[in-house]
Amino acid sequence: MSKLFIKYISIVLTIYLLSLVSHTIMIGSIPALLIMGVVLLLVNLILRPILLLITLPFSLLTLGFFSFIVNAWTIMIADYFVTGIDMGGFVNSLLAAFIIVIINHLLMDMKK
């Protein structure tokens, strides 16, 4: 499996699992969830490097932990563009960012 496909699976799986656990994350339909995965993947590929470059001083001061804030911002941006998904704000997006990173690393380790 390619890295992009693993990232896509981790995004979709995380948002689905968080919607089961948290009542503030709403998924309207399965196609909306799949579209959210594609949009978030594209935002991560295009916009995230620019945001990381702009916020580099904060990342250096926080030893890289500010990148989770940037990841939460990208989730919120993707949530804005996809109808049928409601992430419920910044805290849920930050939680999703943490879990996406964890699931992505687990899936990458299983690939090896």
N, C-alpha and C. Protein backbone atom coordinates (compact mmCIF):
# COMPACT_ATOMS: atom_id res chain seq x y z
N MET A 1 0.84 -1.18 0.00
CA MET A 1 0.00 0.00 0.00
C MET A 1 0.88 1.25 0.00
N SER A 2 0.42 2.25 -0.66
CA SER A 2 1.19 3.48 -0.73
C SER A 2 0.96 4.33 0.53
N LYS A 3 1.85 5.29 0.74
CA LYS A 3 1.75 6.17 1.91
C LYS A 3 0.47 7.00 1.87
N LEU A 4 0.09 7.47 0.68
CA LEU A 4 -1.12 8.28 0.58
C LEU A 4 -2.37 7.48 0.93
N PHE A 5 -2.41 6.22 0.49
CA PHE A 5 -3.56 5.38 0.80
C PHE A 5 -3.63 5.09 2.29
N ILE A 6 -2.49 4.85 2.92
CA ILE A 6 -2.47 4.60 4.36
C ILE A 6 -2.91 5.85 5.10
N LYS A 7 -2.46 7.02 4.66
CA LYS A 7 -2.88 8.28 5.28
C LYS A 7 -4.39 8.47 5.12
N TYR A 8 -4.91 8.15 3.93
CA TYR A 8 -6.35 8.28 3.68
C TYR A 8 -7.14 7.36 4.61
N ILE A 9 -6.71 6.12 4.73
CA ILE A 9 -7.39 5.16 5.60
C ILE A 9 -7.35 5.63 7.06
N SER A 10 -6.20 6.17 7.50
CA SER A 10 -6.12 6.63 8.88
C SER A 10 -7.04 7.83 9.13
N ILE A 11 -7.18 8.71 8.14
CA ILE A 11 -8.07 9.86 8.27
C ILE A 11 -9.52 9.41 8.39
N VAL A 12 -9.95 8.56 7.47
CA VAL A 12 -11.34 8.11 7.45
C VAL A 12 -11.66 7.30 8.71
N LEU A 13 -10.76 6.40 9.09
CA LEU A 13 -10.97 5.57 10.27
C LEU A 13 -11.05 6.41 11.54
N THR A 14 -10.18 7.38 11.66
CA THR A 14 -10.18 8.24 12.85
C THR A 14 -11.47 9.05 12.96
N ILE A 15 -11.88 9.67 11.88
CA ILE A 15 -13.10 10.48 11.93
C ILE A 15 -14.31 9.62 12.24
N TYR A 16 -14.35 8.41 11.66
CA TYR A 16 -15.47 7.52 11.94
C TYR A 16 -15.48 7.07 13.40
N LEU A 17 -14.31 6.67 13.92
CA LEU A 17 -14.25 6.22 15.32
C LEU A 17 -14.55 7.35 16.29
N LEU A 18 -14.09 8.54 15.99
CA LEU A 18 -14.39 9.68 16.86
C LEU A 18 -15.87 10.04 16.83
N SER A 19 -16.52 9.83 15.68
CA SER A 19 -17.96 10.11 15.63
C SER A 19 -18.74 9.10 16.47
N LEU A 20 -18.21 7.90 16.63
CA LEU A 20 -18.87 6.91 17.48
C LEU A 20 -18.69 7.25 18.96
N VAL A 21 -17.55 7.81 19.31
CA VAL A 21 -17.24 8.10 20.71
C VAL A 21 -17.79 9.45 21.15
N SER A 22 -17.66 10.46 20.30
CA SER A 22 -18.06 11.81 20.66
C SER A 22 -19.38 12.17 20.00
N HIS A 23 -20.29 12.74 20.77
CA HIS A 23 -21.58 13.14 20.21
C HIS A 23 -21.50 14.48 19.48
N THR A 24 -20.35 15.17 19.56
CA THR A 24 -20.22 16.47 18.89
C THR A 24 -19.71 16.35 17.46
N ILE A 25 -19.21 15.19 17.08
CA ILE A 25 -18.74 14.97 15.71
C ILE A 25 -19.86 14.25 14.96
N MET A 26 -20.37 14.89 13.92
CA MET A 26 -21.51 14.36 13.17
C MET A 26 -21.08 13.97 11.75
N ILE A 27 -21.47 12.77 11.35
CA ILE A 27 -21.25 12.32 9.97
C ILE A 27 -22.62 12.13 9.34
N GLY A 28 -22.86 12.87 8.25
CA GLY A 28 -24.16 12.79 7.58
C GLY A 28 -24.31 11.52 6.77
N SER A 29 -23.25 11.11 6.09
CA SER A 29 -23.33 9.90 5.25
C SER A 29 -21.93 9.37 5.03
N ILE A 30 -21.87 8.13 4.57
CA ILE A 30 -20.58 7.51 4.26
C ILE A 30 -19.88 8.22 3.10
N PRO A 31 -20.59 8.61 2.02
CA PRO A 31 -19.89 9.37 0.97
C PRO A 31 -19.30 10.69 1.48
N ALA A 32 -19.98 11.35 2.41
CA ALA A 32 -19.44 12.59 2.98
C ALA A 32 -18.16 12.29 3.76
N LEU A 33 -18.12 11.15 4.45
CA LEU A 33 -16.92 10.76 5.18
C LEU A 33 -15.77 10.48 4.22
N LEU A 34 -16.05 9.80 3.12
CA LEU A 34 -15.01 9.50 2.13
C LEU A 34 -14.52 10.76 1.44
N ILE A 35 -15.43 11.69 1.16
CA ILE A 35 -15.04 12.97 0.55
C ILE A 35 -14.21 13.78 1.55
N MET A 36 -14.56 13.73 2.83
CA MET A 36 -13.77 14.42 3.85
C MET A 36 -12.34 13.90 3.87
N GLY A 37 -12.18 12.59 3.72
CA GLY A 37 -10.85 12.01 3.67
C GLY A 37 -10.04 12.54 2.50
N VAL A 38 -10.67 12.64 1.33
CA VAL A 38 -9.97 13.14 0.14
C VAL A 38 -9.63 14.61 0.30
N VAL A 39 -10.59 15.40 0.77
CA VAL A 39 -10.36 16.85 0.93
C VAL A 39 -9.26 17.10 1.97
N LEU A 40 -9.30 16.37 3.08
CA LEU A 40 -8.27 16.55 4.10
C LEU A 40 -6.90 16.11 3.59
N LEU A 41 -6.87 15.07 2.79
CA LEU A 41 -5.61 14.63 2.20
C LEU A 41 -5.06 15.71 1.26
N LEU A 42 -5.92 16.32 0.47
CA LEU A 42 -5.48 17.39 -0.44
C LEU A 42 -5.04 18.64 0.33
N VAL A 43 -5.77 18.98 1.38
CA VAL A 43 -5.38 20.14 2.20
C VAL A 43 -4.02 19.88 2.85
N ASN A 44 -3.82 18.64 3.32
CA ASN A 44 -2.53 18.29 3.92
C ASN A 44 -1.39 18.33 2.90
N LEU A 45 -1.67 17.98 1.67
CA LEU A 45 -0.63 17.99 0.64
C LEU A 45 -0.32 19.40 0.15
N ILE A 46 -1.31 20.26 0.06
CA ILE A 46 -1.13 21.57 -0.55
C ILE A 46 -0.91 22.67 0.50
N LEU A 47 -1.80 22.76 1.47
CA LEU A 47 -1.80 23.89 2.38
C LEU A 47 -0.94 23.68 3.63
N ARG A 48 -0.86 22.46 4.12
CA ARG A 48 -0.13 22.19 5.36
C ARG A 48 1.34 22.60 5.30
N PRO A 49 2.09 22.31 4.21
CA PRO A 49 3.49 22.77 4.18
C PRO A 49 3.64 24.29 4.28
N ILE A 50 2.70 25.01 3.68
CA ILE A 50 2.75 26.48 3.76
C ILE A 50 2.49 26.94 5.19
N LEU A 51 1.50 26.32 5.84
CA LEU A 51 1.19 26.68 7.23
C LEU A 51 2.35 26.32 8.16
N LEU A 52 2.99 25.19 7.92
CA LEU A 52 4.13 24.80 8.75
C LEU A 52 5.29 25.76 8.58
N LEU A 53 5.49 26.25 7.37
CA LEU A 53 6.56 27.21 7.13
C LEU A 53 6.27 28.54 7.82
N ILE A 54 5.02 28.99 7.76
CA ILE A 54 4.65 30.25 8.39
C ILE A 54 4.78 30.15 9.91
N THR A 55 4.43 29.01 10.48
CA THR A 55 4.44 28.84 11.93
C THR A 55 5.73 28.20 12.44
N LEU A 56 6.78 28.20 11.63
CA LEU A 56 8.04 27.58 12.03
C LEU A 56 8.61 28.14 13.33
N PRO A 57 8.59 29.45 13.57
CA PRO A 57 9.12 29.94 14.86
C PRO A 57 8.37 29.36 16.07
N PHE A 58 7.05 29.25 15.97
CA PHE A 58 6.28 28.66 17.08
C PHE A 58 6.60 27.19 17.25
N SER A 59 6.81 26.50 16.14
CA SER A 59 7.17 25.09 16.20
C SER A 59 8.53 24.90 16.87
N LEU A 60 9.45 25.77 16.56
CA LEU A 60 10.77 25.67 17.18
C LEU A 60 10.70 25.95 18.68
N LEU A 61 9.89 26.94 19.06
CA LEU A 61 9.75 27.26 20.48
C LEU A 61 9.07 26.15 21.28
N THR A 62 8.15 25.44 20.65
CA THR A 62 7.40 24.39 21.35
C THR A 62 7.95 23.00 21.04
N LEU A 63 9.12 22.95 20.44
CA LEU A 63 9.78 21.68 20.10
C LEU A 63 8.92 20.79 19.19
N GLY A 64 8.20 21.41 18.30
CA GLY A 64 7.42 20.68 17.30
C GLY A 64 5.97 20.40 17.67
N PHE A 65 5.58 20.70 18.88
CA PHE A 65 4.20 20.41 19.28
C PHE A 65 3.19 21.32 18.61
N PHE A 66 3.63 22.46 18.10
CA PHE A 66 2.71 23.36 17.42
C PHE A 66 2.22 22.76 16.10
N SER A 67 2.91 21.76 15.60
CA SER A 67 2.46 21.11 14.36
C SER A 67 1.10 20.43 14.56
N PHE A 68 0.79 20.03 15.79
CA PHE A 68 -0.54 19.47 16.05
C PHE A 68 -1.62 20.54 15.89
N ILE A 69 -1.30 21.77 16.25
CA ILE A 69 -2.23 22.88 16.06
C ILE A 69 -2.46 23.10 14.56
N VAL A 70 -1.38 23.03 13.78
CA VAL A 70 -1.51 23.18 12.33
C VAL A 70 -2.35 22.04 11.76
N ASN A 71 -2.15 20.82 12.27
CA ASN A 71 -2.97 19.69 11.82
C ASN A 71 -4.44 19.91 12.15
N ALA A 72 -4.72 20.46 13.33
CA ALA A 72 -6.11 20.76 13.70
C ALA A 72 -6.69 21.82 12.78
N TRP A 73 -5.89 22.81 12.42
CA TRP A 73 -6.36 23.84 11.48
C TRP A 73 -6.70 23.22 10.14
N THR A 74 -5.89 22.29 9.65
CA THR A 74 -6.18 21.67 8.35
C THR A 74 -7.46 20.85 8.42
N ILE A 75 -7.71 20.21 9.55
CA ILE A 75 -8.96 19.47 9.71
C ILE A 75 -10.15 20.42 9.71
N MET A 76 -10.00 21.57 10.35
CA MET A 76 -11.07 22.55 10.38
C MET A 76 -11.31 23.15 8.98
N ILE A 77 -10.24 23.35 8.21
CA ILE A 77 -10.38 23.85 6.85
C ILE A 77 -11.12 22.84 5.98
N ALA A 78 -10.74 21.57 6.10
CA ALA A 78 -11.42 20.53 5.32
C ALA A 78 -12.88 20.40 5.76
N ASP A 79 -13.14 20.54 7.04
CA ASP A 79 -14.51 20.48 7.56
C ASP A 79 -15.36 21.60 6.98
N TYR A 80 -14.77 22.75 6.78
CA TYR A 80 -15.48 23.89 6.19
C TYR A 80 -15.93 23.60 4.76
N PHE A 81 -15.11 22.88 4.00
CA PHE A 81 -15.41 22.63 2.59
C PHE A 81 -16.31 21.43 2.36
N VAL A 82 -16.46 20.55 3.32
CA VAL A 82 -17.25 19.33 3.13
C VAL A 82 -18.58 19.46 3.87
N THR A 83 -19.66 19.37 3.13
CA THR A 83 -20.98 19.36 3.77
C THR A 83 -21.30 17.93 4.18
N GLY A 84 -22.01 17.78 5.26
CA GLY A 84 -22.37 16.45 5.74
C GLY A 84 -21.44 15.97 6.85
N ILE A 85 -20.41 16.73 7.17
CA ILE A 85 -19.50 16.41 8.27
C ILE A 85 -19.41 17.65 9.15
N ASP A 86 -19.52 17.44 10.46
CA ASP A 86 -19.34 18.52 11.41
C ASP A 86 -18.40 18.03 12.50
N MET A 87 -17.20 18.60 12.54
CA MET A 87 -16.19 18.16 13.50
C MET A 87 -16.41 18.74 14.89
N GLY A 88 -17.23 19.74 15.03
CA GLY A 88 -17.59 20.25 16.34
C GLY A 88 -16.58 21.19 16.96
N GLY A 89 -15.68 21.77 16.19
CA GLY A 89 -14.79 22.80 16.72
C GLY A 89 -13.33 22.39 16.83
N PHE A 90 -12.58 23.28 17.48
CA PHE A 90 -11.13 23.14 17.53
C PHE A 90 -10.68 21.96 18.38
N VAL A 91 -11.30 21.75 19.53
CA VAL A 91 -10.85 20.69 20.44
C VAL A 91 -11.03 19.32 19.79
N ASN A 92 -12.16 19.10 19.13
CA ASN A 92 -12.36 17.83 18.43
C ASN A 92 -11.38 17.68 17.27
N SER A 93 -11.09 18.77 16.58
CA SER A 93 -10.12 18.71 15.49
C SER A 93 -8.73 18.40 16.01
N LEU A 94 -8.38 18.96 17.16
CA LEU A 94 -7.08 18.68 17.77
C LEU A 94 -6.99 17.22 18.21
N LEU A 95 -8.06 16.71 18.79
CA LEU A 95 -8.10 15.30 19.17
C LEU A 95 -7.99 14.40 17.94
N ALA A 96 -8.68 14.76 16.88
CA ALA A 96 -8.59 13.99 15.64
C ALA A 96 -7.18 14.04 15.08
N ALA A 97 -6.51 15.18 15.18
CA ALA A 97 -5.13 15.29 14.69
C ALA A 97 -4.21 14.34 15.45
N PHE A 98 -4.35 14.29 16.77
CA PHE A 98 -3.54 13.37 17.56
C PHE A 98 -3.79 11.92 17.16
N ILE A 99 -5.04 11.55 17.03
CA ILE A 99 -5.38 10.16 16.74
C ILE A 99 -5.01 9.79 15.31
N ILE A 100 -5.14 10.71 14.36
CA ILE A 100 -4.72 10.44 12.98
C ILE A 100 -3.23 10.13 12.93
N VAL A 101 -2.44 10.88 13.66
CA VAL A 101 -1.00 10.63 13.69
C VAL A 101 -0.71 9.26 14.29
N ILE A 102 -1.38 8.90 15.36
CA ILE A 102 -1.15 7.61 16.01
C ILE A 102 -1.55 6.46 15.09
N ILE A 103 -2.75 6.53 14.50
CA ILE A 103 -3.20 5.46 13.61
C ILE A 103 -2.33 5.38 12.37
N ASN A 104 -1.90 6.52 11.85
CA ASN A 104 -1.02 6.52 10.68
C ASN A 104 0.30 5.81 10.98
N HIS A 105 0.87 6.08 12.16
CA HIS A 105 2.12 5.43 12.54
C HIS A 105 1.91 3.93 12.75
N LEU A 106 0.78 3.54 13.35
CA LEU A 106 0.50 2.13 13.54
C LEU A 106 0.35 1.40 12.21
N LEU A 107 -0.36 2.02 11.27
CA LEU A 107 -0.54 1.39 9.96
C LEU A 107 0.76 1.34 9.17
N MET A 108 1.61 2.35 9.32
CA MET A 108 2.91 2.34 8.64
C MET A 108 3.81 1.25 9.22
N ASP A 109 3.74 1.05 10.54
CA ASP A 109 4.53 -0.02 11.16
C ASP A 109 4.04 -1.40 10.74
N MET A 110 2.72 -1.55 10.55
CA MET A 110 2.18 -2.83 10.09
C MET A 110 2.60 -3.12 8.65
N LYS A 111 2.82 -2.07 7.88
CA LYS A 111 3.22 -2.23 6.49
C LYS A 111 4.60 -2.84 6.39
N LYS A 112 5.47 -2.51 7.32
CA LYS A 112 6.87 -2.99 7.29
C LYS A 112 6.99 -4.44 7.60
